[in-house]
Amino acid sequence: MVTSDEDLICAIATPPGQGGIGVVRLSGRGAKELSERLCGKPLQPRRAVYCEFRHAGEPLDDGLALWFPAPNSFTGEEVVELQGHGGPVVQQRLLTALCNGGARLARPGEFSERAFHNGKLDLAQAEGIADLIASTSVAAARAAMNTLQGTFSNRVNDLTEALVNLRVQIEAAIDFPDEDIEILEQAGVAGKLQELADLLERSISSADQGRLLNSGIQVALMGAPNVGKSSLLNALVGED
């Protein structure tokens, strides 16, 4: 099937299975109008509206509808979240009603992809979302949240800007070799280059640390019999 960034897409935003709440998300032009047809009520920007979701005269569920006008939404498009009960059958019926109304099922990761294309996220932040969801420790969640908030991206952008400025100074010295002023020496290019190299090395180390926090590492305790391997492991994990 041929898809387009102009399509109205929908998907279940909560984990599969049974739960108290299930969220179905729409993104794209016409999300508000389609949702209002299901709700039978007008929606207000960023205000939860309680309603009964109906399709073809039949009640499907009841819950809250929340509309985020473009561009102030996760994807940068018009977004609506329908928050009903967390049953697979209930959520599937909502999806079917939305698809019958003109939406299509979103591809895996398509909401984040649209957020990237619309300038709401960069690639590092998009990866931060996946890392945050998959976090298995507090440290990993903190690292992912820093990435999602743009900490790593800002550092990379600052390094890029500094390297471009340094390149301009070097090219100026190459283009005007007969000038009396030693441009490179005056600008302290050598010192700045070393400083940038140190910053780049620290950024790479930070990225490696974040990767290890997310994926973990394998450690082997090796040695001759009865030298204390088990005792060391017990001490590290805090149990026998």
C-alpha atoms as a PDB file:
ATOM      1  CA  MET A   1       0.000   0.000   0.000  1.00  0.00           C
ATOM      2  CA  VAL A   2       1.311   3.440  -0.913  1.00  0.00           C
ATOM      3  CA  THR A   3       1.374   5.799   2.065  1.00  0.00           C
ATOM      4  CA  SER A   4       1.890   9.532   2.348  1.00  0.00           C
ATOM      5  CA  ASP A   5       2.906  11.989   5.059  1.00  0.00           C
ATOM      6  CA  GLU A   6      -0.417  13.697   4.325  1.00  0.00           C
ATOM      7  CA  ASP A   7      -2.408  10.653   5.456  1.00  0.00           C
ATOM      8  CA  LEU A   8      -4.437  10.702   8.643  1.00  0.00           C
ATOM      9  CA  ILE A   9      -2.941   7.932  10.777  1.00  0.00           C
ATOM     10  CA  CYS A  10      -4.104   6.174  13.930  1.00  0.00           C
ATOM     11  CA  ALA A  11      -2.675   3.628  16.351  1.00  0.00           C
ATOM     12  CA  ILE A  12      -3.037   2.296  19.868  1.00  0.00           C
ATOM     13  CA  ALA A  13      -0.567   4.222  22.035  1.00  0.00           C
ATOM     14  CA  THR A  14      -0.763   2.044  25.156  1.00  0.00           C
ATOM     15  CA  PRO A  15       0.771  -1.433  25.636  1.00  0.00           C
ATOM     16  CA  PRO A  16      -1.197  -4.434  24.368  1.00  0.00           C
ATOM     17  CA  GLY A  17      -3.313  -6.330  26.835  1.00  0.00           C
ATOM     18  CA  GLN A  18      -5.981  -5.452  29.369  1.00  0.00           C
ATOM     19  CA  GLY A  19      -5.839  -2.368  31.565  1.00  0.00           C
ATOM     20  CA  GLY A  20      -7.890   0.369  33.109  1.00  0.00           C
ATOM     21  CA  ILE A  21      -7.070   2.884  30.356  1.00  0.00           C
ATOM     22  CA  GLY A  22      -6.325   2.529  26.658  1.00  0.00           C
ATOM     23  CA  VAL A  23      -5.257   5.395  24.409  1.00  0.00           C
ATOM     24  CA  VAL A  24      -5.806   5.604  20.668  1.00  0.00           C
ATOM     25  CA  ARG A  25      -3.906   8.408  18.932  1.00  0.00           C
ATOM     26  CA  LEU A  26      -4.606  10.130  15.619  1.00  0.00           C
ATOM     27  CA  SER A  27      -2.304  12.467  13.745  1.00  0.00           C
ATOM     28  CA  GLY A  28      -2.817  14.389  10.536  1.00  0.00           C
ATOM     29  CA  ARG A  29      -5.187  16.741   8.804  1.00  0.00           C
ATOM     30  CA  GLY A  30      -8.791  16.003   9.730  1.00  0.00           C
ATOM     31  CA  ALA A  31      -8.056  14.348  13.084  1.00  0.00           C
ATOM     32  CA  LYS A  32     -10.311  16.783  14.932  1.00  0.00           C
ATOM     33  CA  GLU A  33     -13.242  16.428  12.527  1.00  0.00           C
ATOM     34  CA  LEU A  34     -13.109  12.629  12.544  1.00  0.00           C
ATOM     35  CA  SER A  35     -12.861  12.523  16.334  1.00  0.00           C
ATOM     36  CA  GLU A  36     -15.783  14.901  16.724  1.00  0.00           C
ATOM     37  CA  ARG A  37     -17.907  12.574  14.603  1.00  0.00           C
ATOM     38  CA  LEU A  38     -17.116   9.734  16.999  1.00  0.00           C
ATOM     39  CA  CYS A  39     -17.598  11.886  20.104  1.00  0.00           C
ATOM     40  CA  GLY A  40     -20.662  13.825  18.977  1.00  0.00           C
ATOM     41  CA  LYS A  41     -19.191  16.909  20.679  1.00  0.00           C
ATOM     42  CA  PRO A  42     -16.902  19.783  19.646  1.00  0.00           C
ATOM     43  CA  LEU A  43     -13.333  19.554  20.928  1.00  0.00           C
ATOM     44  CA  GLN A  44     -11.405  22.394  22.541  1.00  0.00           C
ATOM     45  CA  PRO A  45      -7.608  22.838  22.268  1.00  0.00           C
ATOM     46  CA  ARG A  46      -5.733  20.940  24.996  1.00  0.00           C
ATOM     47  CA  ARG A  47      -8.898  20.413  27.030  1.00  0.00           C
ATOM     48  CA  ALA A  48     -10.179  16.944  27.941  1.00  0.00           C
ATOM     49  CA  VAL A  49     -13.776  16.375  26.809  1.00  0.00           C
ATOM     50  CA  TYR A  50     -15.785  13.498  28.249  1.00  0.00           C
ATOM     51  CA  CYS A  51     -17.896  11.768  25.637  1.00  0.00           C
ATOM     52  CA  GLU A  52     -19.322   8.511  24.368  1.00  0.00           C
ATOM     53  CA  PHE A  53     -17.529   7.138  21.318  1.00  0.00           C
ATOM     54  CA  ARG A  54     -20.096   6.034  18.746  1.00  0.00           C
ATOM     55  CA  HIS A  55     -19.895   4.697  15.209  1.00  0.00           C
ATOM     56  CA  ALA A  56     -22.813   4.017  12.864  1.00  0.00           C
ATOM     57  CA  GLY A  57     -25.175   4.709  15.742  1.00  0.00           C
ATOM     58  CA  GLU A  58     -23.596   2.097  17.992  1.00  0.00           C
ATOM     59  CA  PRO A  59     -21.802   2.974  21.250  1.00  0.00           C
ATOM     60  CA  LEU A  60     -18.215   1.683  21.273  1.00  0.00           C
ATOM     61  CA  ASP A  61     -16.844   3.045  24.550  1.00  0.00           C
ATOM     62  CA  ASP A  62     -16.800   6.166  26.692  1.00  0.00           C
ATOM     63  CA  GLY A  63     -13.879   8.240  27.865  1.00  0.00           C
ATOM     64  CA  LEU A  64     -11.927  11.409  27.162  1.00  0.00           C
ATOM     65  CA  ALA A  65     -10.955  13.100  23.910  1.00  0.00           C
ATOM     66  CA  LEU A  66      -7.994  15.489  23.898  1.00  0.00           C
ATOM     67  CA  TRP A  67      -7.174  17.647  20.860  1.00  0.00           C
ATOM     68  CA  PHE A  68      -3.745  19.215  20.210  1.00  0.00           C
ATOM     69  CA  PRO A  69      -3.867  21.689  17.291  1.00  0.00           C
ATOM     70  CA  ALA A  70      -0.890  21.899  14.941  1.00  0.00           C
ATOM     71  CA  PRO A  71       1.917  22.759  15.335  1.00  0.00           C
ATOM     72  CA  ASN A  72       1.775  22.451  19.136  1.00  0.00           C
ATOM     73  CA  SER A  73       1.645  18.665  19.311  1.00  0.00           C
ATOM     74  CA  PHE A  74       4.032  15.731  19.495  1.00  0.00           C
ATOM     75  CA  THR A  75       4.122  15.248  15.719  1.00  0.00           C
ATOM     76  CA  GLY A  76       3.689  18.902  14.811  1.00  0.00           C
ATOM     77  CA  GLU A  77       0.433  17.940  13.123  1.00  0.00           C
ATOM     78  CA  GLU A  78      -3.137  17.981  14.361  1.00  0.00           C
ATOM     79  CA  VAL A  79      -3.266  15.268  17.039  1.00  0.00           C
ATOM     80  CA  VAL A  80      -6.184  13.765  18.972  1.00  0.00           C
ATOM     81  CA  GLU A  81      -5.964  11.220  21.781  1.00  0.00           C
ATOM     82  CA  LEU A  82      -9.015   9.109  22.568  1.00  0.00           C
ATOM     83  CA  GLN A  83      -8.660   7.773  26.100  1.00  0.00           C
ATOM     84  CA  GLY A  84     -11.050   4.919  26.786  1.00  0.00           C
ATOM     85  CA  HIS A  85     -10.954   1.576  28.525  1.00  0.00           C
ATOM     86  CA  GLY A  86      -7.932  -0.639  28.051  1.00  0.00           C
ATOM     87  CA  GLY A  87      -9.432  -3.710  26.469  1.00  0.00           C
ATOM     88  CA  PRO A  88      -8.059  -5.095  23.183  1.00  0.00           C
ATOM     89  CA  VAL A  89     -11.519  -5.554  21.671  1.00  0.00           C
ATOM     90  CA  VAL A  90     -12.635  -2.042  22.668  1.00  0.00           C
ATOM     91  CA  GLN A  91      -9.500  -0.439  21.231  1.00  0.00           C
ATOM     92  CA  GLN A  92      -9.718  -2.475  18.039  1.00  0.00           C
ATOM     93  CA  ARG A  93     -13.319  -1.340  17.520  1.00  0.00           C
ATOM     94  CA  LEU A  94     -12.177   2.283  17.889  1.00  0.00           C
ATOM     95  CA  LEU A  95      -9.412   1.726  15.336  1.00  0.00           C
ATOM     96  CA  THR A  96     -11.867   0.135  12.927  1.00  0.00           C
ATOM     97  CA  ALA A  97     -14.233   3.094  13.273  1.00  0.00           C
ATOM     98  CA  LEU A  98     -11.391   5.538  12.633  1.00  0.00           C
ATOM     99  CA  CYS A  99     -10.189   3.620   9.580  1.00  0.00           C
ATOM    100  CA  ASN A 100     -13.738   3.505   8.247  1.00  0.00           C
ATOM    101  CA  GLY A 101     -13.808   7.280   8.702  1.00  0.00           C
ATOM    102  CA  GLY A 102     -10.751   7.878   6.522  1.00  0.00           C
ATOM    103  CA  ALA A 103      -7.720   7.205   8.698  1.00  0.00           C
ATOM    104  CA  ARG A 104      -5.213   4.410   8.203  1.00  0.00           C
ATOM    105  CA  LEU A 105      -3.135   2.387  10.652  1.00  0.00           C
ATOM    106  CA  ALA A 106       0.209   3.988  11.404  1.00  0.00           C
ATOM    107  CA  ARG A 107       3.412   2.195  10.542  1.00  0.00           C
ATOM    108  CA  PRO A 108       5.713   1.283  13.465  1.00  0.00           C
ATOM    109  CA  GLY A 109       7.437   4.469  14.633  1.00  0.00           C
ATOM    110  CA  GLU A 110       5.503   6.691  12.209  1.00  0.00           C
ATOM    111  CA  PHE A 111       4.416   9.180  14.888  1.00  0.00           C
ATOM    112  CA  SER A 112       8.051   9.767  15.877  1.00  0.00           C
ATOM    113  CA  GLU A 113       9.021   9.860  12.190  1.00  0.00           C
ATOM    114  CA  ARG A 114       6.521  12.650  11.556  1.00  0.00           C
ATOM    115  CA  ALA A 115       7.761  14.508  14.625  1.00  0.00           C
ATOM    116  CA  PHE A 116      11.267  14.338  13.135  1.00  0.00           C
ATOM    117  CA  HIS A 117      10.158  15.510   9.682  1.00  0.00           C
ATOM    118  CA  ASN A 118       8.254  18.426  11.248  1.00  0.00           C
ATOM    119  CA  GLY A 119      11.224  19.571  13.340  1.00  0.00           C
ATOM    120  CA  LYS A 120       9.760  18.541  16.705  1.00  0.00           C
ATOM    121  CA  LEU A 121      12.541  16.005  17.346  1.00  0.00           C
ATOM    122  CA  ASP A 122      16.001  15.320  15.956  1.00  0.00           C
ATOM    123  CA  LEU A 123      17.330  11.808  15.417  1.00  0.00           C
ATOM    124  CA  ALA A 124      19.044  11.654  18.807  1.00  0.00           C
ATOM    125  CA  GLN A 125      15.832  12.675  20.573  1.00  0.00           C
ATOM    126  CA  ALA A 126      13.828  10.121  18.594  1.00  0.00           C
ATOM    127  CA  GLU A 127      16.251   7.429  19.746  1.00  0.00           C
ATOM    128  CA  GLY A 128      15.931   8.826  23.272  1.00  0.00           C
ATOM    129  CA  ILE A 129      12.200   8.038  23.208  1.00  0.00           C
ATOM    130  CA  ALA A 130      12.882   4.393  22.361  1.00  0.00           C
ATOM    131  CA  ASP A 131      15.614   4.206  25.011  1.00  0.00           C
ATOM    132  CA  LEU A 132      13.352   5.762  27.646  1.00  0.00           C
ATOM    133  CA  ILE A 133      10.589   3.257  26.935  1.00  0.00           C
ATOM    134  CA  ALA A 134      13.052   0.357  27.051  1.00  0.00           C
ATOM    135  CA  SER A 135      14.888   1.552  30.186  1.00  0.00           C
ATOM    136  CA  THR A 136      15.553  -1.191  32.713  1.00  0.00           C
ATOM    137  CA  SER A 137      17.186   0.957  35.399  1.00  0.00           C
ATOM    138  CA  VAL A 138      16.899   4.429  36.906  1.00  0.00           C
ATOM    139  CA  ALA A 139      20.307   5.383  35.482  1.00  0.00           C
ATOM    140  CA  ALA A 140      19.257   4.308  31.971  1.00  0.00           C
ATOM    141  CA  ALA A 141      16.007   6.260  32.262  1.00  0.00           C
ATOM    142  CA  ARG A 142      17.887   9.396  33.346  1.00  0.00           C
ATOM    143  CA  ALA A 143      20.320   9.080  30.441  1.00  0.00           C
ATOM    144  CA  ALA A 144      17.465   8.583  27.974  1.00  0.00           C
ATOM    145  CA  MET A 145      15.582  11.562  29.401  1.00  0.00           C
ATOM    146  CA  ASN A 146      18.642  13.781  28.987  1.00  0.00           C
ATOM    147  CA  THR A 147      18.846  12.719  25.340  1.00  0.00           C
ATOM    148  CA  LEU A 148      15.125  13.324  24.847  1.00  0.00           C
ATOM    149  CA  GLN A 149      15.446  16.834  26.308  1.00  0.00           C
ATOM    150  CA  GLY A 150      18.142  17.637  23.759  1.00  0.00           C
ATOM    151  CA  THR A 151      21.210  17.623  26.018  1.00  0.00           C
ATOM    152  CA  PHE A 152      23.266  15.439  23.669  1.00  0.00           C
ATOM    153  CA  SER A 153      21.964  17.178  20.532  1.00  0.00           C
ATOM    154  CA  ASN A 154      22.880  20.605  21.930  1.00  0.00           C
ATOM    155  CA  ARG A 155      26.379  19.383  22.685  1.00  0.00           C
ATOM    156  CA  VAL A 156      26.788  18.047  19.133  1.00  0.00           C
ATOM    157  CA  ASN A 157      25.413  21.272  17.637  1.00  0.00           C
ATOM    158  CA  ASP A 158      27.831  23.363  19.720  1.00  0.00           C
ATOM    159  CA  LEU A 159      30.745  21.224  18.557  1.00  0.00           C
ATOM    160  CA  THR A 160      29.646  21.531  14.937  1.00  0.00           C
ATOM    161  CA  GLU A 161      29.366  25.309  15.160  1.00  0.00           C
ATOM    162  CA  ALA A 162      32.793  25.597  16.804  1.00  0.00           C
ATOM    163  CA  LEU A 163      34.382  23.397  14.124  1.00  0.00           C
ATOM    164  CA  VAL A 164      32.805  25.463  11.330  1.00  0.00           C
ATOM    165  CA  ASN A 165      34.135  28.688  12.886  1.00  0.00           C
ATOM    166  CA  LEU A 166      37.587  27.141  13.189  1.00  0.00           C
ATOM    167  CA  ARG A 167      37.465  26.044   9.571  1.00  0.00           C
ATOM    168  CA  VAL A 168      36.618  29.601   8.494  1.00  0.00           C
ATOM    169  CA  GLN A 169      39.709  30.937  10.274  1.00  0.00           C
ATOM    170  CA  ILE A 170      41.948  28.291   8.702  1.00  0.00           C
ATOM    171  CA  GLU A 171      40.563  28.945   5.207  1.00  0.00           C
ATOM    172  CA  ALA A 172      41.107  32.671   5.711  1.00  0.00           C
ATOM    173  CA  ALA A 173      44.770  32.036   6.464  1.00  0.00           C
ATOM    174  CA  ILE A 174      45.069  29.865   3.353  1.00  0.00           C
ATOM    175  CA  ASP A 175      43.332  32.429   1.112  1.00  0.00           C
ATOM    176  CA  PHE A 176      45.462  35.355   2.370  1.00  0.00           C
ATOM    177  CA  PRO A 177      48.964  33.938   2.904  1.00  0.00           C
ATOM    178  CA  ASP A 178      50.724  37.250   2.250  1.00  0.00           C
ATOM    179  CA  GLU A 179      49.067  39.146   5.089  1.00  0.00           C
ATOM    180  CA  ASP A 180      51.459  40.479   7.687  1.00  0.00           C
ATOM    181  CA  ILE A 181      49.254  39.257  10.544  1.00  0.00           C
ATOM    182  CA  GLU A 182      49.589  35.608  11.431  1.00  0.00           C
ATOM    183  CA  ILE A 183      45.919  34.778  11.381  1.00  0.00           C
ATOM    184  CA  LEU A 184      46.212  31.242  12.718  1.00  0.00           C
ATOM    185  CA  GLU A 185      48.509  32.187  15.576  1.00  0.00           C
ATOM    186  CA  GLN A 186      46.467  35.237  16.471  1.00  0.00           C
ATOM    187  CA  ALA A 187      43.244  33.230  16.593  1.00  0.00           C
ATOM    188  CA  GLY A 188      44.820  30.543  18.781  1.00  0.00           C
ATOM    189  CA  VAL A 189      43.715  27.870  16.342  1.00  0.00           C
ATOM    190  CA  ALA A 190      45.971  25.148  17.735  1.00  0.00           C
ATOM    191  CA  GLY A 191      44.636  25.608  21.275  1.00  0.00           C
ATOM    192  CA  LYS A 192      41.021  25.720  20.105  1.00  0.00           C
ATOM    193  CA  LEU A 193      41.508  22.584  18.028  1.00  0.00           C
ATOM    194  CA  GLN A 194      42.887  20.698  21.026  1.00  0.00           C
ATOM    195  CA  GLU A 195      40.005  21.941  23.168  1.00  0.00           C
ATOM    196  CA  LEU A 196      37.484  20.721  20.596  1.00  0.00           C
ATOM    197  CA  ALA A 197      39.257  17.357  20.361  1.00  0.00           C
ATOM    198  CA  ASP A 198      38.959  16.975  24.141  1.00  0.00           C
ATOM    199  CA  LEU A 199      35.264  17.900  24.057  1.00  0.00           C
ATOM    200  CA  LEU A 200      34.635  15.434  21.240  1.00  0.00           C
ATOM    201  CA  GLU A 201      36.372  12.653  23.149  1.00  0.00           C
ATOM    202  CA  ARG A 202      34.255  13.357  26.234  1.00  0.00           C
ATOM    203  CA  SER A 203      31.080  13.368  24.121  1.00  0.00           C
ATOM    204  CA  ILE A 204      31.958   9.982  22.623  1.00  0.00           C
ATOM    205  CA  SER A 205      32.656   8.587  26.097  1.00  0.00           C
ATOM    206  CA  SER A 206      29.305   9.927  27.303  1.00  0.00           C
ATOM    207  CA  ALA A 207      27.523   8.310  24.350  1.00  0.00           C
ATOM    208  CA  ASP A 208      29.269   5.004  25.044  1.00  0.00           C
ATOM    209  CA  GLN A 209      28.221   5.193  28.684  1.00  0.00           C
ATOM    210  CA  GLY A 210      24.603   5.800  27.674  1.00  0.00           C
ATOM    211  CA  ARG A 211      24.720   2.819  25.323  1.00  0.00           C
ATOM    212  CA  LEU A 212      26.048   0.576  28.090  1.00  0.00           C
ATOM    213  CA  LEU A 213      23.382   1.806  30.510  1.00  0.00           C
ATOM    214  CA  ASN A 214      20.724   0.938  27.956  1.00  0.00           C
ATOM    215  CA  SER A 215      22.010  -2.396  26.639  1.00  0.00           C
ATOM    216  CA  GLY A 216      24.101  -3.558  29.593  1.00  0.00           C
ATOM    217  CA  ILE A 217      27.446  -5.362  29.571  1.00  0.00           C
ATOM    218  CA  GLN A 218      28.547  -8.948  30.064  1.00  0.00           C
ATOM    219  CA  VAL A 219      31.209  -9.639  32.671  1.00  0.00           C
ATOM    220  CA  ALA A 220      32.994 -12.925  33.264  1.00  0.00           C
ATOM    221  CA  LEU A 221      34.603 -13.819  36.590  1.00  0.00           C
ATOM    222  CA  MET A 222      37.468 -16.165  35.756  1.00  0.00           C
ATOM    223  CA  GLY A 223      40.090 -17.873  37.858  1.00  0.00           C
ATOM    224  CA  ALA A 224      41.321 -21.102  39.345  1.00  0.00           C
ATOM    225  CA  PRO A 225      39.000 -23.147  41.597  1.00  0.00           C
ATOM    226  CA  ASN A 226      38.455 -21.919  45.152  1.00  0.00           C
ATOM    227  CA  VAL A 227      40.072 -18.496  44.710  1.00  0.00           C
ATOM    228  CA  GLY A 228      36.953 -16.534  45.695  1.00  0.00           C
ATOM    229  CA  LYS A 229      34.939 -16.081  42.488  1.00  0.00           C
ATOM    230  CA  SER A 230      31.652 -17.028  44.148  1.00  0.00           C
ATOM    231  CA  SER A 231      32.382 -14.922  47.196  1.00  0.00           C
ATOM    232  CA  LEU A 232      33.127 -11.903  45.019  1.00  0.00           C
ATOM    233  CA  LEU A 233      29.907 -12.407  43.021  1.00  0.00           C
ATOM    234  CA  ASN A 234      27.888 -12.767  46.225  1.00  0.00           C
ATOM    235  CA  ALA A 235      29.389  -9.531  47.539  1.00  0.00           C
ATOM    236  CA  LEU A 236      28.609  -7.679  44.296  1.00  0.00           C
ATOM    237  CA  VAL A 237      24.956  -8.765  44.061  1.00  0.00           C
ATOM    238  CA  GLY A 238      24.335  -8.627  47.814  1.00  0.00           C
ATOM    239  CA  GLU A 239      22.977 -12.160  48.152  1.00  0.00           C
ATOM    240  CA  ASP A 240      24.222 -15.732  48.309  1.00  0.00           C
END
